[in-house]
Amino acid sequence: MNRRDESRSGAFARARRRAVVVAAAIAAAACSGSQSAPTAPASTALRADVADPVGDTVSDPRLPLPPDLVHATATVENGSLTVVVSFAPGTFDRQTTRVAVLLDTDQNPATGIRSGTALGADFTLDLFAPNNQATIAKADEAGCAARQSCFVNSGSGTLTVPPDAMQAIVPLSALGNTGGHIAFAVNSYAIVAALTPVVFDWLPDTNLPPARTQ
């Protein structure tokens, strides 16, 4: 392996470790209870669409059919953010598949919880069908630096689960002082053992810039 391959391999390994840490923090926050936030005033419609290749998931023998992300849409309209995440047919399991939507609401990668090189997550949405809601969690940079929880539960939104997809709707007012211009990334993961989350796919991939509503 030459130096360039070693550097690239190391970068992907570091990105994967960060993904597992973020997934664990999101899962912990999602289990700690939540409260709904009021609806924000109407806002101008903004939208982002992002696709991901089929079959680019991580392999793990503990989950023979990993959740394969293929598309996500984020729409900001009438004071709400709507996120629709789609999976390759047959790879979404309502009982095991979880989705984390990392939201950089100030579009500043230097604030929030770092994910990759271009995203600082100020909030997350944790989507899990058995919970019957989209759990909102806010970044806790001080707690994360102290190796405690990186996110604290701060609210909830609605979650619907059509075939091979998940749709979350949350009020912008629950995401801090944002006008709807948001950078975001999505990952699919599962809890394969006690306190053991495994991230199987990223959308966009970790070597690509985050998606942005505009």
C-alpha atoms as a PDB file:
ATOM      1  CA  MET A   1       0.000   0.000   0.000  1.00  0.00           C
ATOM      2  CA  ASN A   2       1.472   3.399  -0.999  1.00  0.00           C
ATOM      3  CA  ARG A   3       1.339   6.537   1.147  1.00  0.00           C
ATOM      4  CA  ARG A   4      -1.689   7.942  -0.689  1.00  0.00           C
ATOM      5  CA  ASP A   5      -3.670   4.719  -0.135  1.00  0.00           C
ATOM      6  CA  GLU A   6      -2.608   4.656   3.522  1.00  0.00           C
ATOM      7  CA  SER A   7      -3.776   8.256   3.968  1.00  0.00           C
ATOM      8  CA  ARG A   8      -7.103   7.544   2.273  1.00  0.00           C
ATOM      9  CA  SER A   9      -7.612   4.369   4.321  1.00  0.00           C
ATOM     10  CA  GLY A  10      -6.861   6.278   7.514  1.00  0.00           C
ATOM     11  CA  ALA A  11      -9.324   9.032   6.594  1.00  0.00           C
ATOM     12  CA  PHE A  12     -12.124   6.550   5.992  1.00  0.00           C
ATOM     13  CA  ALA A  13     -11.325   4.762   9.256  1.00  0.00           C
ATOM     14  CA  ARG A  14     -11.480   8.054  11.174  1.00  0.00           C
ATOM     15  CA  ALA A  15     -14.754   8.974   9.467  1.00  0.00           C
ATOM     16  CA  ARG A  16     -16.230   5.587  10.397  1.00  0.00           C
ATOM     17  CA  ARG A  17     -15.171   5.992  14.038  1.00  0.00           C
ATOM     18  CA  ARG A  18     -16.767   9.456  14.154  1.00  0.00           C
ATOM     19  CA  ALA A  19     -19.952   7.998  12.649  1.00  0.00           C
ATOM     20  CA  VAL A  20     -20.207   5.341  15.366  1.00  0.00           C
ATOM     21  CA  VAL A  21     -19.678   7.941  18.115  1.00  0.00           C
ATOM     22  CA  VAL A  22     -22.367  10.210  16.632  1.00  0.00           C
ATOM     23  CA  ALA A  23     -24.798   7.292  16.184  1.00  0.00           C
ATOM     24  CA  ALA A  24     -24.301   6.225  19.799  1.00  0.00           C
ATOM     25  CA  ALA A  25     -24.918   9.766  21.027  1.00  0.00           C
ATOM     26  CA  ILE A  26     -28.069  10.107  18.921  1.00  0.00           C
ATOM     27  CA  ALA A  27     -29.444   6.764  20.083  1.00  0.00           C
ATOM     28  CA  ALA A  28     -28.833   7.717  23.725  1.00  0.00           C
ATOM     29  CA  ALA A  29     -30.562  11.055  23.275  1.00  0.00           C
ATOM     30  CA  ALA A  30     -33.538   9.429  21.550  1.00  0.00           C
ATOM     31  CA  CYS A  31     -34.135   7.173  24.552  1.00  0.00           C
ATOM     32  CA  SER A  32     -34.227   9.974  27.135  1.00  0.00           C
ATOM     33  CA  GLY A  33     -37.744  11.334  26.590  1.00  0.00           C
ATOM     34  CA  SER A  34     -38.881  14.404  24.662  1.00  0.00           C
ATOM     35  CA  GLN A  35     -41.352  17.253  24.450  1.00  0.00           C
ATOM     36  CA  SER A  36     -42.968  18.906  21.463  1.00  0.00           C
ATOM     37  CA  ALA A  37     -42.021  22.429  20.407  1.00  0.00           C
ATOM     38  CA  PRO A  38     -44.380  25.145  19.107  1.00  0.00           C
ATOM     39  CA  THR A  39     -44.762  25.761  15.405  1.00  0.00           C
ATOM     40  CA  ALA A  40     -42.620  28.522  13.867  1.00  0.00           C
ATOM     41  CA  PRO A  41     -43.939  31.268  11.583  1.00  0.00           C
ATOM     42  CA  ALA A  42     -44.251  30.577   7.865  1.00  0.00           C
ATOM     43  CA  SER A  43     -41.021  30.619   5.846  1.00  0.00           C
ATOM     44  CA  THR A  44     -40.006  30.703   2.197  1.00  0.00           C
ATOM     45  CA  ALA A  45     -39.913  27.275   0.565  1.00  0.00           C
ATOM     46  CA  LEU A  46     -36.427  25.758   0.345  1.00  0.00           C
ATOM     47  CA  ARG A  47     -35.463  22.310  -0.901  1.00  0.00           C
ATOM     48  CA  ALA A  48     -32.585  19.853  -1.260  1.00  0.00           C
ATOM     49  CA  ASP A  49     -32.428  16.511  -3.064  1.00  0.00           C
ATOM     50  CA  VAL A  50     -29.515  14.118  -2.730  1.00  0.00           C
ATOM     51  CA  ALA A  51     -28.987  10.598  -4.096  1.00  0.00           C
ATOM     52  CA  ASP A  52     -26.676   7.794  -3.022  1.00  0.00           C
ATOM     53  CA  PRO A  53     -25.476   4.707  -4.962  1.00  0.00           C
ATOM     54  CA  VAL A  54     -27.165   1.369  -4.366  1.00  0.00           C
ATOM     55  CA  GLY A  55     -25.046  -1.287  -2.695  1.00  0.00           C
ATOM     56  CA  ASP A  56     -22.464   0.904  -0.940  1.00  0.00           C
ATOM     57  CA  THR A  57     -23.271  -0.220   2.610  1.00  0.00           C
ATOM     58  CA  VAL A  58     -20.864  -1.479   5.249  1.00  0.00           C
ATOM     59  CA  SER A  59     -20.944  -5.237   5.752  1.00  0.00           C
ATOM     60  CA  ASP A  60     -21.555  -6.722   9.201  1.00  0.00           C
ATOM     61  CA  PRO A  61     -22.502 -10.383   9.839  1.00  0.00           C
ATOM     62  CA  ARG A  62     -24.778  -9.334  12.713  1.00  0.00           C
ATOM     63  CA  LEU A  63     -27.142  -7.685  10.219  1.00  0.00           C
ATOM     64  CA  PRO A  64     -27.202  -9.703   6.973  1.00  0.00           C
ATOM     65  CA  LEU A  65     -29.317  -7.130   5.085  1.00  0.00           C
ATOM     66  CA  PRO A  66     -27.980  -3.648   5.925  1.00  0.00           C
ATOM     67  CA  PRO A  67     -30.190  -0.567   5.361  1.00  0.00           C
ATOM     68  CA  ASP A  68     -29.094   0.929   2.037  1.00  0.00           C
ATOM     69  CA  LEU A  69     -29.825   4.661   1.622  1.00  0.00           C
ATOM     70  CA  VAL A  70     -30.596   5.760  -1.942  1.00  0.00           C
ATOM     71  CA  HIS A  71     -32.263   9.178  -1.722  1.00  0.00           C
ATOM     72  CA  ALA A  72     -33.203  11.984   0.661  1.00  0.00           C
ATOM     73  CA  THR A  73     -35.278  15.114   0.245  1.00  0.00           C
ATOM     74  CA  ALA A  74     -35.418  18.034   2.667  1.00  0.00           C
ATOM     75  CA  THR A  75     -38.086  20.714   2.263  1.00  0.00           C
ATOM     76  CA  VAL A  76     -38.546  23.851   4.349  1.00  0.00           C
ATOM     77  CA  GLU A  77     -41.978  25.446   4.047  1.00  0.00           C
ATOM     78  CA  ASN A  78     -44.619  27.029   6.296  1.00  0.00           C
ATOM     79  CA  GLY A  79     -42.397  26.947   9.375  1.00  0.00           C
ATOM     80  CA  SER A  80     -41.541  23.253   9.157  1.00  0.00           C
ATOM     81  CA  LEU A  81     -38.743  21.011   7.934  1.00  0.00           C
ATOM     82  CA  THR A  82     -39.809  17.831   6.143  1.00  0.00           C
ATOM     83  CA  VAL A  83     -37.214  15.125   5.538  1.00  0.00           C
ATOM     84  CA  VAL A  84     -37.963  12.044   3.424  1.00  0.00           C
ATOM     85  CA  VAL A  85     -35.352   9.266   3.425  1.00  0.00           C
ATOM     86  CA  SER A  86     -35.636   6.359   0.966  1.00  0.00           C
ATOM     87  CA  PHE A  87     -33.981   2.938   0.985  1.00  0.00           C
ATOM     88  CA  ALA A  88     -33.151   0.403  -1.692  1.00  0.00           C
ATOM     89  CA  PRO A  89     -36.155  -1.953  -1.933  1.00  0.00           C
ATOM     90  CA  GLY A  90     -36.044  -4.729   0.638  1.00  0.00           C
ATOM     91  CA  THR A  91     -33.273  -3.236   2.799  1.00  0.00           C
ATOM     92  CA  PHE A  92     -35.472  -1.343   5.267  1.00  0.00           C
ATOM     93  CA  ASP A  93     -36.503  -3.287   8.391  1.00  0.00           C
ATOM     94  CA  ARG A  94     -39.045  -1.433  10.561  1.00  0.00           C
ATOM     95  CA  GLN A  95     -37.802  -3.222  13.694  1.00  0.00           C
ATOM     96  CA  THR A  96     -34.053  -2.617  13.347  1.00  0.00           C
ATOM     97  CA  THR A  97     -33.366   0.232  10.893  1.00  0.00           C
ATOM     98  CA  ARG A  98     -32.652   3.633  12.387  1.00  0.00           C
ATOM     99  CA  VAL A  99     -31.838   6.890  10.620  1.00  0.00           C
ATOM    100  CA  ALA A 100     -29.893   9.856  11.945  1.00  0.00           C
ATOM    101  CA  VAL A 101     -30.330  13.198  10.180  1.00  0.00           C
ATOM    102  CA  LEU A 102     -27.475  15.518  11.181  1.00  0.00           C
ATOM    103  CA  LEU A 103     -28.499  19.170  10.829  1.00  0.00           C
ATOM    104  CA  ASP A 104     -26.006  22.015  10.595  1.00  0.00           C
ATOM    105  CA  THR A 105     -28.506  24.813  11.143  1.00  0.00           C
ATOM    106  CA  ASP A 106     -25.944  27.644  11.142  1.00  0.00           C
ATOM    107  CA  GLN A 107     -23.979  26.088   8.247  1.00  0.00           C
ATOM    108  CA  ASN A 108     -20.778  26.507  10.237  1.00  0.00           C
ATOM    109  CA  PRO A 109     -18.715  23.295  10.523  1.00  0.00           C
ATOM    110  CA  ALA A 110     -16.731  24.825  13.399  1.00  0.00           C
ATOM    111  CA  THR A 111     -19.790  24.754  15.704  1.00  0.00           C
ATOM    112  CA  GLY A 112     -21.837  21.804  16.896  1.00  0.00           C
ATOM    113  CA  ILE A 113     -20.636  18.195  16.776  1.00  0.00           C
ATOM    114  CA  ARG A 114     -18.176  17.611  13.960  1.00  0.00           C
ATOM    115  CA  SER A 115     -19.067  14.979  11.366  1.00  0.00           C
ATOM    116  CA  GLY A 116     -16.506  14.698   8.596  1.00  0.00           C
ATOM    117  CA  THR A 117     -14.736  17.893   7.594  1.00  0.00           C
ATOM    118  CA  ALA A 118     -17.638  20.058   6.403  1.00  0.00           C
ATOM    119  CA  LEU A 119     -20.509  19.507   8.842  1.00  0.00           C
ATOM    120  CA  GLY A 120     -20.975  20.648  12.417  1.00  0.00           C
ATOM    121  CA  ALA A 121     -24.242  19.118  13.632  1.00  0.00           C
ATOM    122  CA  ASP A 122     -26.207  21.567  15.795  1.00  0.00           C
ATOM    123  CA  PHE A 123     -29.234  19.242  15.956  1.00  0.00           C
ATOM    124  CA  THR A 124     -30.090  15.689  14.997  1.00  0.00           C
ATOM    125  CA  LEU A 125     -33.274  13.854  14.138  1.00  0.00           C
ATOM    126  CA  ASP A 126     -33.420  10.214  15.149  1.00  0.00           C
ATOM    127  CA  LEU A 127     -35.935   8.214  13.126  1.00  0.00           C
ATOM    128  CA  PHE A 128     -36.974   4.786  14.396  1.00  0.00           C
ATOM    129  CA  ALA A 129     -40.324   3.282  13.439  1.00  0.00           C
ATOM    130  CA  PRO A 130     -41.137   1.655  16.837  1.00  0.00           C
ATOM    131  CA  ASN A 131     -40.793   5.072  18.543  1.00  0.00           C
ATOM    132  CA  ASN A 132     -43.623   6.526  16.408  1.00  0.00           C
ATOM    133  CA  GLN A 133     -41.964   9.939  16.384  1.00  0.00           C
ATOM    134  CA  ALA A 134     -38.944  11.837  15.116  1.00  0.00           C
ATOM    135  CA  THR A 135     -36.780  12.596  18.136  1.00  0.00           C
ATOM    136  CA  ILE A 136     -34.990  15.961  18.078  1.00  0.00           C
ATOM    137  CA  ALA A 137     -31.714  16.343  19.964  1.00  0.00           C
ATOM    138  CA  LYS A 138     -29.526  19.427  20.407  1.00  0.00           C
ATOM    139  CA  ALA A 139     -25.731  19.397  20.318  1.00  0.00           C
ATOM    140  CA  ASP A 140     -23.990  19.573  23.688  1.00  0.00           C
ATOM    141  CA  GLU A 141     -20.424  20.524  22.815  1.00  0.00           C
ATOM    142  CA  ALA A 142     -19.275  20.800  26.425  1.00  0.00           C
ATOM    143  CA  GLY A 143     -20.732  17.410  27.313  1.00  0.00           C
ATOM    144  CA  CYS A 144     -19.189  15.843  24.235  1.00  0.00           C
ATOM    145  CA  ALA A 145     -15.760  17.317  25.074  1.00  0.00           C
ATOM    146  CA  ALA A 146     -16.111  15.786  28.546  1.00  0.00           C
ATOM    147  CA  ARG A 147     -16.869  12.405  26.931  1.00  0.00           C
ATOM    148  CA  GLN A 148     -20.475  12.528  28.046  1.00  0.00           C
ATOM    149  CA  SER A 149     -23.535  12.790  25.786  1.00  0.00           C
ATOM    150  CA  CYS A 150     -22.899  14.751  22.576  1.00  0.00           C
ATOM    151  CA  PHE A 151     -26.628  15.444  22.127  1.00  0.00           C
ATOM    152  CA  VAL A 152     -29.463  16.137  24.557  1.00  0.00           C
ATOM    153  CA  ASN A 153     -33.103  15.503  23.810  1.00  0.00           C
ATOM    154  CA  SER A 154     -34.903  18.741  22.981  1.00  0.00           C
ATOM    155  CA  GLY A 155     -38.203  17.896  21.291  1.00  0.00           C
ATOM    156  CA  SER A 156     -40.032  15.723  18.807  1.00  0.00           C
ATOM    157  CA  GLY A 157     -41.775  15.784  15.462  1.00  0.00           C
ATOM    158  CA  THR A 158     -44.043  13.529  13.477  1.00  0.00           C
ATOM    159  CA  LEU A 159     -42.822  10.350  11.801  1.00  0.00           C
ATOM    160  CA  THR A 160     -44.546   8.374   9.068  1.00  0.00           C
ATOM    161  CA  VAL A 161     -43.211   5.165   7.571  1.00  0.00           C
ATOM    162  CA  PRO A 162     -44.311   4.448   3.986  1.00  0.00           C
ATOM    163  CA  PRO A 163     -42.840   1.411   2.159  1.00  0.00           C
ATOM    164  CA  ASP A 164     -39.026   1.590   1.905  1.00  0.00           C
ATOM    165  CA  ALA A 165     -38.946   5.117   3.363  1.00  0.00           C
ATOM    166  CA  MET A 166     -39.241   7.329   6.436  1.00  0.00           C
ATOM    167  CA  GLN A 167     -40.700  10.840   6.602  1.00  0.00           C
ATOM    168  CA  ALA A 168     -40.157  13.274   9.460  1.00  0.00           C
ATOM    169  CA  ILE A 169     -41.765  16.685   9.944  1.00  0.00           C
ATOM    170  CA  VAL A 170     -40.404  19.021  12.629  1.00  0.00           C
ATOM    171  CA  PRO A 171     -41.055  22.698  13.389  1.00  0.00           C
ATOM    172  CA  LEU A 172     -38.205  25.081  12.589  1.00  0.00           C
ATOM    173  CA  SER A 173     -38.705  26.629  16.020  1.00  0.00           C
ATOM    174  CA  ALA A 174     -37.407  23.380  17.526  1.00  0.00           C
ATOM    175  CA  LEU A 175     -34.148  23.777  15.590  1.00  0.00           C
ATOM    176  CA  GLY A 176     -32.987  27.061  17.074  1.00  0.00           C
ATOM    177  CA  ASN A 177     -32.692  30.362  15.300  1.00  0.00           C
ATOM    178  CA  THR A 178     -32.724  29.137  11.699  1.00  0.00           C
ATOM    179  CA  GLY A 179     -34.362  30.572   8.607  1.00  0.00           C
ATOM    180  CA  GLY A 180     -34.359  27.184   6.934  1.00  0.00           C
ATOM    181  CA  HIS A 181     -30.994  27.257   5.157  1.00  0.00           C
ATOM    182  CA  ILE A 182     -29.567  24.013   6.540  1.00  0.00           C
ATOM    183  CA  ALA A 183     -26.635  21.775   5.671  1.00  0.00           C
ATOM    184  CA  PHE A 184     -27.325  18.131   6.430  1.00  0.00           C
ATOM    185  CA  ALA A 185     -26.197  14.544   6.095  1.00  0.00           C
ATOM    186  CA  VAL A 186     -28.035  11.284   6.754  1.00  0.00           C
ATOM    187  CA  ASN A 187     -26.833   7.928   7.987  1.00  0.00           C
ATOM    188  CA  SER A 188     -28.557   4.594   8.469  1.00  0.00           C
ATOM    189  CA  TYR A 189     -27.589   2.493  11.445  1.00  0.00           C
ATOM    190  CA  ALA A 190     -28.737  -0.303  13.734  1.00  0.00           C
ATOM    191  CA  ILE A 191     -28.111  -1.331  17.338  1.00  0.00           C
ATOM    192  CA  VAL A 192     -26.570  -4.753  16.731  1.00  0.00           C
ATOM    193  CA  ALA A 193     -25.800  -5.471  20.402  1.00  0.00           C
ATOM    194  CA  ALA A 194     -26.098  -3.705  23.754  1.00  0.00           C
ATOM    195  CA  LEU A 195     -24.674  -0.169  23.371  1.00  0.00           C
ATOM    196  CA  THR A 196     -23.242  -1.162  19.988  1.00  0.00           C
ATOM    197  CA  PRO A 197     -24.516   0.947  17.076  1.00  0.00           C
ATOM    198  CA  VAL A 198     -23.179   0.237  13.598  1.00  0.00           C
ATOM    199  CA  VAL A 199     -23.476   2.838  10.838  1.00  0.00           C
ATOM    200  CA  PHE A 200     -24.132   1.103   7.515  1.00  0.00           C
ATOM    201  CA  ASP A 201     -24.496   3.925   5.008  1.00  0.00           C
ATOM    202  CA  TRP A 202     -24.013   7.672   4.625  1.00  0.00           C
ATOM    203  CA  LEU A 203     -25.874  10.047   2.332  1.00  0.00           C
ATOM    204  CA  PRO A 204     -24.034  11.938   0.926  1.00  0.00           C
ATOM    205  CA  ASP A 205     -20.932   9.758   1.330  1.00  0.00           C
ATOM    206  CA  THR A 206     -18.434  11.032   3.906  1.00  0.00           C
ATOM    207  CA  ASN A 207     -15.991  12.166   1.205  1.00  0.00           C
ATOM    208  CA  LEU A 208     -18.631  14.488  -0.304  1.00  0.00           C
ATOM    209  CA  PRO A 209     -19.966  17.883   0.863  1.00  0.00           C
ATOM    210  CA  PRO A 210     -23.197  17.850   2.872  1.00  0.00           C
ATOM    211  CA  ALA A 211     -26.511  18.565   1.179  1.00  0.00           C
ATOM    212  CA  ARG A 212     -27.960  22.079   1.586  1.00  0.00           C
ATOM    213  CA  THR A 213     -31.471  23.463   1.384  1.00  0.00           C
ATOM    214  CA  GLN A 214     -31.676  26.441  -0.962  1.00  0.00           C
END
